[in-house]
Protein backbone atom coordinates (compact mmCIF):
# COMPACT_ATOMS: atom_id res chain seq x y z
CA MET A 1 127.72 71.60 17.73
CA LYS A 2 130.23 70.79 15.03
CA PHE A 3 133.92 70.32 15.68
CA GLU A 4 134.83 73.54 13.91
CA GLU A 5 132.55 75.55 16.21
CA LEU A 6 133.89 73.82 19.30
CA ASN A 7 137.44 74.42 18.19
CA GLU A 8 136.71 78.13 17.79
CA LEU A 9 135.37 78.19 21.34
CA TYR A 10 138.49 76.45 22.61
CA LYS A 11 140.72 79.04 20.93
CA LEU A 12 138.99 81.94 22.70
CA PRO A 13 140.89 83.75 25.45
CA PHE A 14 140.21 81.98 28.73
CA PHE A 15 137.98 84.62 30.30
CA ASP A 16 136.08 85.20 27.04
CA LEU A 17 135.21 81.50 26.98
CA LEU A 18 134.13 81.58 30.62
CA GLN A 19 131.95 84.62 30.00
CA LYS A 20 130.16 82.89 27.12
CA ALA A 21 129.67 79.77 29.19
CA ARG A 22 128.36 81.76 32.15
CA GLU A 23 125.87 83.61 29.96
CA CYS A 24 124.68 80.27 28.54
CA HIS A 25 124.37 78.79 32.02
CA VAL A 26 122.38 81.68 33.48
CA ALA A 27 120.07 81.68 30.44
CA ASN A 28 119.18 78.02 30.96
CA TRP A 29 119.62 77.18 34.64
CA PRO A 30 119.12 78.76 38.07
CA LYS A 31 122.52 80.25 38.80
CA LYS A 32 122.48 79.29 42.47
CA GLU A 33 121.50 75.63 42.32
CA ILE A 34 123.54 72.45 42.21
CA GLN A 35 122.52 68.80 42.00
CA LEU A 36 123.99 66.52 44.69
CA CYS A 37 124.45 62.90 43.57
CA THR A 38 125.76 59.88 45.44
CA LEU A 39 127.50 57.00 43.67
CA LEU A 40 127.53 53.42 44.94
CA SER A 41 129.24 50.41 43.39
CA ILE A 42 126.70 47.63 43.81
CA LYS A 43 129.00 45.02 42.20
CA THR A 44 132.73 45.58 42.38
CA GLY A 45 135.66 44.09 40.45
CA GLY A 46 136.02 41.12 38.13
CA CYS A 47 134.84 42.94 35.00
CA SER A 48 135.60 41.15 31.73
CA GLU A 49 136.28 44.39 29.82
CA ASP A 50 139.77 45.85 29.35
CA CYS A 51 139.19 49.60 29.86
CA SER A 52 142.74 50.79 30.47
CA TYR A 53 141.77 53.35 33.13
CA CYS A 54 139.68 51.02 35.27
CA SER A 55 140.91 49.14 38.34
CA GLN A 56 137.84 46.89 38.22
CA SER A 57 138.96 45.07 35.08
CA SER A 58 139.93 41.42 35.66
CA ARG A 59 142.60 41.87 32.99
CA HIS A 60 144.63 44.29 35.09
CA SER A 61 146.76 43.66 38.19
CA SER A 62 145.12 46.25 40.40
CA ASN A 63 144.28 43.61 43.02
CA ILE A 64 140.95 45.21 43.79
CA GLU A 65 138.80 43.01 46.02
CA ARG A 66 135.97 41.43 44.07
CA GLU A 67 132.54 41.76 45.60
CA PRO A 68 129.29 40.16 44.37
CA LEU A 69 126.08 42.06 43.75
CA MET A 70 125.07 43.73 47.00
CA GLU A 71 121.96 42.57 48.79
CA LYS A 72 119.00 44.91 48.44
CA GLU A 73 118.93 45.63 52.15
CA ALA A 74 122.54 46.87 52.08
CA VAL A 75 121.85 49.07 49.06
CA MET A 76 118.77 50.54 50.70
CA GLU A 77 120.77 51.38 53.82
CA ARG A 78 123.24 53.34 51.70
CA ALA A 79 120.46 55.01 49.70
CA LEU A 80 118.71 56.15 52.86
CA ALA A 81 121.99 57.50 54.23
CA ALA A 82 122.58 59.34 50.96
CA ARG A 83 119.13 60.91 51.10
CA SER A 84 119.70 61.94 54.72
CA SER A 85 123.01 63.54 53.70
CA GLY A 86 121.24 65.73 51.14
CA ALA A 87 121.77 63.75 47.93
CA THR A 88 118.85 63.91 45.52
CA ARG A 89 120.11 61.41 42.93
CA PHE A 90 121.34 57.92 43.77
CA CYS A 91 123.63 56.39 41.15
CA MET A 92 124.40 52.67 41.14
CA GLY A 93 127.20 51.10 39.12
CA ALA A 94 128.11 47.49 38.45
CA ALA A 95 131.42 46.14 37.11
CA TRP A 96 130.47 43.79 34.30
CA LYS A 97 130.05 43.85 30.52
CA GLY A 98 126.31 44.35 30.60
CA VAL A 99 122.93 42.98 31.67
CA ARG A 100 120.61 40.44 30.07
CA LYS A 101 116.90 39.91 30.63
CA ASN A 102 115.52 36.81 32.33
CA THR A 103 118.59 36.35 34.50
CA LYS A 104 118.64 36.16 38.29
CA THR A 105 121.15 39.00 38.48
CA PHE A 106 119.17 41.38 36.30
CA ASP A 107 115.95 40.59 38.16
CA ALA A 108 117.74 41.44 41.41
CA VAL A 109 118.93 44.75 39.94
CA LEU A 110 115.39 45.60 38.85
CA ASP A 111 114.15 44.91 42.38
CA ILE A 112 116.83 47.18 43.84
CA VAL A 113 116.00 49.95 41.37
CA SER A 114 112.31 49.79 42.19
CA SER A 115 112.97 50.02 45.93
CA VAL A 116 115.36 52.98 45.61
CA ALA A 117 112.90 54.76 43.33
CA ASP A 118 110.26 54.42 46.05
CA LEU A 119 112.41 56.67 48.26
CA GLY A 120 111.56 59.64 46.05
CA MET A 121 115.11 60.01 44.75
CA GLU A 122 116.20 60.20 41.14
CA VAL A 123 117.73 56.86 40.16
CA CYS A 124 120.68 56.58 37.80
CA VAL A 125 122.36 53.30 36.88
CA THR A 126 125.47 52.39 34.94
CA LEU A 127 125.29 48.72 34.08
CA GLY A 128 127.26 48.43 30.86
CA GLU A 129 125.71 47.22 27.62
CA LEU A 130 121.99 46.61 27.38
CA GLY A 131 119.50 45.79 24.66
CA PRO A 132 116.09 47.30 23.97
CA ASP A 133 114.21 44.91 26.25
CA GLU A 134 116.52 45.48 29.20
CA ALA A 135 116.25 49.23 28.67
CA LYS A 136 112.45 49.08 28.79
CA GLN A 137 112.50 47.02 31.97
CA LEU A 138 114.86 49.44 33.67
CA LYS A 139 112.64 52.35 32.71
CA GLU A 140 109.57 50.55 34.05
CA ALA A 141 111.41 49.77 37.30
CA GLY A 142 112.00 53.45 37.93
CA VAL A 143 115.34 54.42 36.38
CA THR A 144 115.53 58.18 35.78
CA ALA A 145 118.79 58.22 33.82
CA TYR A 146 121.15 55.70 32.28
CA ASN A 147 124.86 56.50 32.43
CA HIS A 148 127.03 55.30 29.54
CA ASN A 149 130.05 57.48 28.87
CA LEU A 150 131.82 57.73 25.52
CA ASP A 151 135.09 58.39 27.39
CA THR A 152 136.93 59.94 24.44
CA SER A 153 136.79 60.38 20.67
CA ARG A 154 136.00 57.58 18.24
CA GLU A 155 139.55 57.85 16.88
CA HIS A 156 141.23 57.48 20.28
CA TYR A 157 138.84 54.89 21.69
CA PRO A 158 140.72 51.77 20.42
CA ASN A 159 143.78 52.98 22.33
CA ILE A 160 141.76 52.85 25.55
CA VAL A 161 139.46 49.84 25.10
CA THR A 162 139.62 46.83 22.77
CA SER A 163 136.96 44.52 24.26
CA HIS A 164 134.10 46.55 22.82
CA THR A 165 133.69 49.31 20.24
CA TYR A 166 132.56 52.91 20.08
CA ASP A 167 129.50 51.79 18.16
CA ASP A 168 128.67 49.36 20.97
CA ARG A 169 128.56 52.37 23.28
CA LEU A 170 126.36 54.33 20.91
CA GLN A 171 123.98 51.41 20.49
CA THR A 172 123.39 51.12 24.22
CA ILE A 173 122.74 54.86 24.40
CA ARG A 174 120.21 54.52 21.58
CA HIS A 175 118.41 51.73 23.41
CA ALA A 176 118.23 53.80 26.59
CA GLN A 177 116.82 56.77 24.67
CA ASP A 178 114.30 54.64 22.80
CA ALA A 179 113.03 53.26 26.12
CA GLY A 180 112.34 56.79 27.36
CA MET A 181 115.19 57.05 29.82
CA SER A 182 117.31 60.16 30.06
CA VAL A 183 120.94 59.63 29.15
CA CYS A 184 123.94 60.63 31.22
CA CYS A 185 126.94 60.67 28.88
CA GLY A 186 130.32 62.33 29.15
CA GLY A 187 133.99 61.52 29.09
CA ILE A 188 137.31 61.26 30.86
CA LEU A 189 140.14 63.75 30.53
CA GLY A 190 143.69 62.45 30.85
CA LEU A 191 143.57 59.23 28.79
CA GLY A 192 146.46 60.33 26.59
CA GLU A 193 144.08 62.10 24.25
CA THR A 194 144.59 65.35 22.38
CA VAL A 195 142.46 68.48 22.65
CA GLU A 196 141.04 67.47 19.27
CA ASP A 197 139.90 64.15 20.78
CA ARG A 198 138.14 65.97 23.60
CA LEU A 199 136.34 68.29 21.24
CA LYS A 200 135.33 65.44 18.92
CA MET A 201 133.84 63.60 21.89
CA ILE A 202 131.80 66.68 22.86
CA GLU A 203 130.75 67.04 19.22
CA VAL A 204 129.25 63.54 19.23
CA ILE A 205 127.54 64.03 22.58
CA SER A 206 126.10 67.43 21.63
CA GLU A 207 124.67 65.97 18.42
CA PHE A 208 122.60 63.35 20.26
CA ASN A 209 118.90 63.75 19.60
CA PRO A 210 117.68 64.18 22.24
CA GLN A 211 120.72 65.65 23.95
CA PRO A 212 121.87 64.00 27.20
CA GLU A 213 120.17 64.98 30.44
CA SER A 214 123.61 65.28 32.01
CA VAL A 215 127.23 65.38 30.85
CA PRO A 216 129.84 64.17 33.37
CA ILE A 217 133.32 65.65 33.03
CA ASN A 218 135.76 63.24 34.66
CA SER A 219 139.49 63.72 35.23
CA LEU A 220 141.50 60.50 35.26
CA MET A 221 142.54 59.30 38.69
CA PRO A 222 145.41 56.90 37.84
CA MET A 223 144.95 53.55 39.57
CA PRO A 224 147.85 51.21 40.43
CA GLY A 225 147.99 48.11 38.27
CA THR A 226 146.18 49.65 35.30
CA PRO A 227 147.85 50.58 31.98
CA LEU A 228 147.30 54.26 32.80
CA ALA A 229 148.76 54.08 36.30
CA GLU A 230 151.53 56.52 35.39
CA ALA A 231 149.38 58.96 33.42
CA HIS A 232 149.88 62.65 34.11
CA SER A 233 147.13 64.68 35.74
CA VAL A 234 145.13 67.13 33.64
CA ASP A 235 145.76 70.81 34.18
CA ILE A 236 142.87 72.42 36.06
CA PHE A 237 142.53 75.11 33.40
CA GLU A 238 141.90 72.40 30.79
CA VAL A 239 139.19 70.93 33.00
CA ILE A 240 137.56 74.34 33.39
CA LYS A 241 137.67 74.92 29.63
CA MET A 242 136.05 71.54 28.92
CA VAL A 243 133.31 72.28 31.47
CA ALA A 244 132.68 75.62 29.75
CA ILE A 245 132.58 74.07 26.28
CA ALA A 246 130.27 71.28 27.44
CA ARG A 247 127.93 73.90 28.95
CA ILE A 248 127.75 75.84 25.67
CA ALA A 249 127.41 72.70 23.53
CA CYS A 250 124.71 71.13 25.73
CA PRO A 251 122.91 74.12 27.28
CA LYS A 252 119.96 72.14 28.67
CA ALA A 253 122.08 69.35 30.21
CA LYS A 254 123.44 69.29 33.71
CA VAL A 255 127.23 69.38 33.56
CA ARG A 256 128.53 67.10 36.30
CA LEU A 257 131.94 67.65 37.85
CA SER A 258 132.77 64.01 38.49
CA ALA A 259 135.89 61.90 39.06
CA GLY A 260 138.95 63.89 40.03
CA ARG A 261 137.02 66.62 41.81
CA SER A 262 138.45 65.54 45.16
CA GLN A 263 141.91 66.44 43.88
CA MET A 264 140.87 69.99 42.91
CA SER A 265 141.25 73.04 45.11
CA GLU A 266 138.15 74.91 46.22
CA GLU A 267 139.18 77.69 43.85
CA GLY A 268 139.39 75.28 40.91
CA GLN A 269 136.00 73.77 41.71
CA SER A 270 134.50 77.24 42.03
CA MET A 271 135.76 78.18 38.58
CA CYS A 272 134.14 75.02 37.20
CA PHE A 273 130.83 75.98 38.82
CA PHE A 274 131.11 79.47 37.35
CA ALA A 275 131.78 77.93 33.91
CA GLY A 276 128.59 75.86 34.05
CA ALA A 277 129.04 72.78 36.22
CA ASN A 278 125.86 72.33 38.24
CA SER A 279 126.06 68.76 39.51
CA ILE A 280 128.56 66.85 41.65
CA PHE A 281 129.09 63.41 43.15
CA TYR A 282 128.84 63.90 46.86
CA GLY A 283 129.96 61.63 49.68
CA GLU A 284 130.40 58.60 47.48
CA LYS A 285 132.86 56.86 49.81
CA LEU A 286 131.38 57.03 53.31
CA LEU A 287 127.78 57.89 53.85
CA THR A 288 127.87 58.91 57.49
CA SER A 289 127.60 62.17 59.36
CA GLU A 290 131.33 62.00 60.10
CA ASN A 291 132.32 61.97 56.44
CA SER A 292 134.86 64.79 56.17
CA ALA A 293 134.39 64.93 52.37
CA ILE A 294 130.71 65.74 52.84
CA LYS A 295 131.58 68.42 55.39
CA LYS A 296 134.07 69.98 52.95
CA ASP A 297 131.48 69.95 50.16
CA ILE A 298 128.84 71.55 52.37
CA SER A 299 131.35 74.18 53.44
CA LEU A 300 132.19 75.06 49.82
CA ILE A 301 128.53 75.11 48.78
CA ASN A 302 127.76 77.46 51.66
CA LYS A 303 130.68 79.74 50.79
CA LEU A 304 129.41 80.02 47.23
CA GLU A 305 125.80 80.50 48.45
CA ILE A 306 124.56 77.66 46.23
CA ASN A 307 121.40 75.71 47.04
CA PRO A 308 120.92 71.97 46.46
CA LEU A 309 118.66 71.18 43.50
CA GLN A 310 115.48 69.38 44.55
CA PRO A 311 114.91 65.80 43.29
CA ASN A 312 112.63 65.23 40.33
CA PRO A 313 112.10 61.44 40.04
CA ASP A 314 109.23 61.95 37.56
CA MET A 315 111.46 63.92 35.21
CA GLU A 316 110.76 63.23 31.56
CA ALA A 317 113.56 62.49 29.12
CA PRO A 318 114.69 65.48 27.01
CA GLU A 319 112.50 66.12 23.98
CA VAL A 320 113.47 64.94 20.52
CA GLU A 321 114.09 67.61 17.87
CA CYS A 322 111.72 66.49 15.13
CA ASP A 323 113.69 68.08 12.29
CA LYS A 324 116.83 66.11 13.12
CA GLU A 325 117.70 62.42 12.83
CA LEU A 326 117.54 60.43 16.03
CA SER A 327 120.89 59.70 17.50
CA PRO A 328 123.18 57.92 17.92
CA ALA A 329 123.37 57.35 14.20
CA PRO A 330 120.68 55.03 12.81
CA CYS A 331 123.39 52.75 11.43
CA CYS A 332 124.29 51.87 15.00
CA ALA A 333 120.75 50.81 15.94
CA GLU A 334 119.51 47.25 15.71
């Protein structure tokens, strides 16, 4: 969708926007299903990039404890616990600039991916920048979806990150798409952006060909020691509106209520689900039966009479629209 169309949606009265989003959601998705995802950091801290919101950057004074790449056995233990807890997608993230083929680290990641895929779960990874060869190897190893968020608009991006460019992000997304992986791509609310920036970001994402398989909507959780440590929280009604607009702009994508959800009330989360969110990160901190966060999530899901979406590890990437140019823009491809 174009910016002008998105802006018209944003200007609608709140309940009119929600009604449109709900109609779009019900027309494209089962109205009583939600995807449960678990997120694990398999390599923490020491990242060379300067993303101003991230405590894992080595350029900030967040004092996060650096941890090397986890051993496969430890990852598998967490993946099995996630599956037992009801998660159907296992997402693995690593704090570094990107991956390169023919390196010991990347080979270890491929081995981990292959083993997790054998559990019958959907596998999502967020590993930073990658080229076409790395993308193909990840696809062959069993990756279902590659996460690479745009974070914000092209115009606002240099205010958030200077160690890489918006086009670098788009190029990685293109490589993932060309390799046949689905793309998980969204943004973060609360980076000092304007409403216009948020809508421009959704415009770019909605114009991908093929569109993303999922669109995460994150709310900034300010971290001590980062440049955005004192940032103000985003009003819940703005989050709900962005969920609704993302649902309308990307009707076939899952809309994932991501970072910041733990700070929302049950009522706020419920409004997001009504507006089109149908995926959450679930139990990403402690994967045990005593995890109170998991119990709270199960309680809310039961109250809303929503059923967990079943895993689909053999899911094909969204289809390309033949009458449109591939995206991101060809000028960004190698």
